[in-house]
Amino acid sequence: MESTSASGGTGTKKVKTGKRYKWSNDMIADLLRLRFTDSDVKHRLEAAQTKTQTALAWQYFASVLSQSQGVVITREQVSQK
């Protein structure tokens, strides 16, 4: 099956649409607390100087938030929030 691209041509590239993550008020409060008051998370994010360090800092942030909330949250979900 072919799809029509925005430019009017046809192609076989499929667009991946993911489900939007639903954030509760408790999760947002925990995210803000970790980001701005947790010394370890805050320090890692502020001290990151390279793309790799930044990605690892966001991954650590997502891991800590996932553990505190009891759900799996990805780096992308945290960094985009």
C-alpha atoms as a PDB file:
ATOM      1  CA  MET A   1       0.000   0.000   0.000  1.00  0.00           C
ATOM      2  CA  GLU A   2       1.393   3.383  -0.972  1.00  0.00           C
ATOM      3  CA  SER A   3       0.749   6.610   0.839  1.00  0.00           C
ATOM      4  CA  THR A   4       0.744  10.148  -0.442  1.00  0.00           C
ATOM      5  CA  SER A   5       3.423  12.404   0.993  1.00  0.00           C
ATOM      6  CA  ALA A   6       2.991  16.068   1.862  1.00  0.00           C
ATOM      7  CA  SER A   7       4.714  17.021  -1.394  1.00  0.00           C
ATOM      8  CA  GLY A   8       2.110  15.153  -3.424  1.00  0.00           C
ATOM      9  CA  GLY A   9       4.273  12.170  -4.408  1.00  0.00           C
ATOM     10  CA  THR A  10       3.724   8.593  -3.394  1.00  0.00           C
ATOM     11  CA  GLY A  11       5.956   6.524  -1.206  1.00  0.00           C
ATOM     12  CA  THR A  12       6.019   3.521   1.045  1.00  0.00           C
ATOM     13  CA  LYS A  13       7.313   5.288   4.154  1.00  0.00           C
ATOM     14  CA  LYS A  14       4.992   4.759   7.086  1.00  0.00           C
ATOM     15  CA  VAL A  15       4.564   7.302   9.831  1.00  0.00           C
ATOM     16  CA  LYS A  16       4.914   5.896  13.320  1.00  0.00           C
ATOM     17  CA  THR A  17       2.303   7.309  15.639  1.00  0.00           C
ATOM     18  CA  GLY A  18       2.779   6.547  19.298  1.00  0.00           C
ATOM     19  CA  LYS A  19       0.308   6.821  22.092  1.00  0.00           C
ATOM     20  CA  ARG A  20       0.460  10.025  24.050  1.00  0.00           C
ATOM     21  CA  TYR A  21       1.530   9.492  27.648  1.00  0.00           C
ATOM     22  CA  LYS A  22      -0.982  10.617  30.297  1.00  0.00           C
ATOM     23  CA  TRP A  23       0.686  12.537  33.135  1.00  0.00           C
ATOM     24  CA  SER A  24      -1.106  12.750  36.501  1.00  0.00           C
ATOM     25  CA  ASN A  25      -0.727  15.736  38.813  1.00  0.00           C
ATOM     26  CA  ASP A  26       1.324  13.595  41.223  1.00  0.00           C
ATOM     27  CA  MET A  27       3.692  12.593  38.421  1.00  0.00           C
ATOM     28  CA  ILE A  28       4.175  16.202  37.347  1.00  0.00           C
ATOM     29  CA  ALA A  29       4.798  17.285  40.946  1.00  0.00           C
ATOM     30  CA  ASP A  30       7.367  14.501  41.331  1.00  0.00           C
ATOM     31  CA  LEU A  31       8.983  15.446  38.010  1.00  0.00           C
ATOM     32  CA  LEU A  32       9.331  19.086  39.081  1.00  0.00           C
ATOM     33  CA  ARG A  33      10.620  18.130  42.527  1.00  0.00           C
ATOM     34  CA  LEU A  34      13.273  15.868  41.021  1.00  0.00           C
ATOM     35  CA  ARG A  35      14.278  18.372  38.343  1.00  0.00           C
ATOM     36  CA  PHE A  36      14.682  21.403  40.577  1.00  0.00           C
ATOM     37  CA  THR A  37      15.306  20.171  44.142  1.00  0.00           C
ATOM     38  CA  ASP A  38      16.829  16.672  43.983  1.00  0.00           C
ATOM     39  CA  SER A  39      20.528  17.453  44.174  1.00  0.00           C
ATOM     40  CA  ASP A  40      21.724  14.416  42.186  1.00  0.00           C
ATOM     41  CA  VAL A  41      19.302  14.786  39.252  1.00  0.00           C
ATOM     42  CA  LYS A  42      19.682  18.577  39.166  1.00  0.00           C
ATOM     43  CA  HIS A  43      23.483  18.383  39.263  1.00  0.00           C
ATOM     44  CA  ARG A  44      23.672  15.781  36.465  1.00  0.00           C
ATOM     45  CA  LEU A  45      21.437  17.834  34.171  1.00  0.00           C
ATOM     46  CA  GLU A  46      23.240  21.108  34.857  1.00  0.00           C
ATOM     47  CA  ALA A  47      26.751  19.618  34.630  1.00  0.00           C
ATOM     48  CA  ALA A  48      26.211  17.835  31.298  1.00  0.00           C
ATOM     49  CA  GLN A  49      28.511  19.324  28.652  1.00  0.00           C
ATOM     50  CA  THR A  50      28.175  16.927  25.725  1.00  0.00           C
ATOM     51  CA  LYS A  51      25.233  15.375  23.924  1.00  0.00           C
ATOM     52  CA  THR A  52      26.123  12.013  25.440  1.00  0.00           C
ATOM     53  CA  GLN A  53      26.286  13.412  28.969  1.00  0.00           C
ATOM     54  CA  THR A  54      22.978  15.205  28.447  1.00  0.00           C
ATOM     55  CA  ALA A  55      21.306  12.035  27.144  1.00  0.00           C
ATOM     56  CA  LEU A  56      22.661  10.050  30.094  1.00  0.00           C
ATOM     57  CA  ALA A  57      21.456  12.710  32.537  1.00  0.00           C
ATOM     58  CA  TRP A  58      17.937  12.599  31.066  1.00  0.00           C
ATOM     59  CA  GLN A  59      18.055   8.787  31.140  1.00  0.00           C
ATOM     60  CA  TYR A  60      19.006   8.881  34.827  1.00  0.00           C
ATOM     61  CA  PHE A  61      16.189  11.369  35.480  1.00  0.00           C
ATOM     62  CA  ALA A  62      13.695   9.063  33.735  1.00  0.00           C
ATOM     63  CA  SER A  63      14.974   6.087  35.729  1.00  0.00           C
ATOM     64  CA  VAL A  64      14.603   7.855  39.080  1.00  0.00           C
ATOM     65  CA  LEU A  65      11.129   9.110  38.138  1.00  0.00           C
ATOM     66  CA  SER A  66      10.095   5.636  36.940  1.00  0.00           C
ATOM     67  CA  GLN A  67      11.195   4.073  40.217  1.00  0.00           C
ATOM     68  CA  SER A  68       9.383   6.650  42.326  1.00  0.00           C
ATOM     69  CA  GLN A  69       6.158   6.354  40.291  1.00  0.00           C
ATOM     70  CA  GLY A  70       6.219   2.598  39.723  1.00  0.00           C
ATOM     71  CA  VAL A  71       5.726   2.935  35.950  1.00  0.00           C
ATOM     72  CA  VAL A  72       8.094   2.857  32.989  1.00  0.00           C
ATOM     73  CA  ILE A  73       8.867   6.354  31.714  1.00  0.00           C
ATOM     74  CA  THR A  74      11.319   6.879  28.867  1.00  0.00           C
ATOM     75  CA  ARG A  75      13.982   9.543  28.477  1.00  0.00           C
ATOM     76  CA  GLU A  76      12.014  11.080  25.611  1.00  0.00           C
ATOM     77  CA  GLN A  77       8.855  11.386  27.702  1.00  0.00           C
ATOM     78  CA  VAL A  78      10.736  13.132  30.501  1.00  0.00           C
ATOM     79  CA  SER A  79      12.805  15.472  28.338  1.00  0.00           C
ATOM     80  CA  GLN A  80       9.765  16.541  26.297  1.00  0.00           C
ATOM     81  CA  LYS A  81       7.652  17.251  29.349  1.00  0.00           C
END
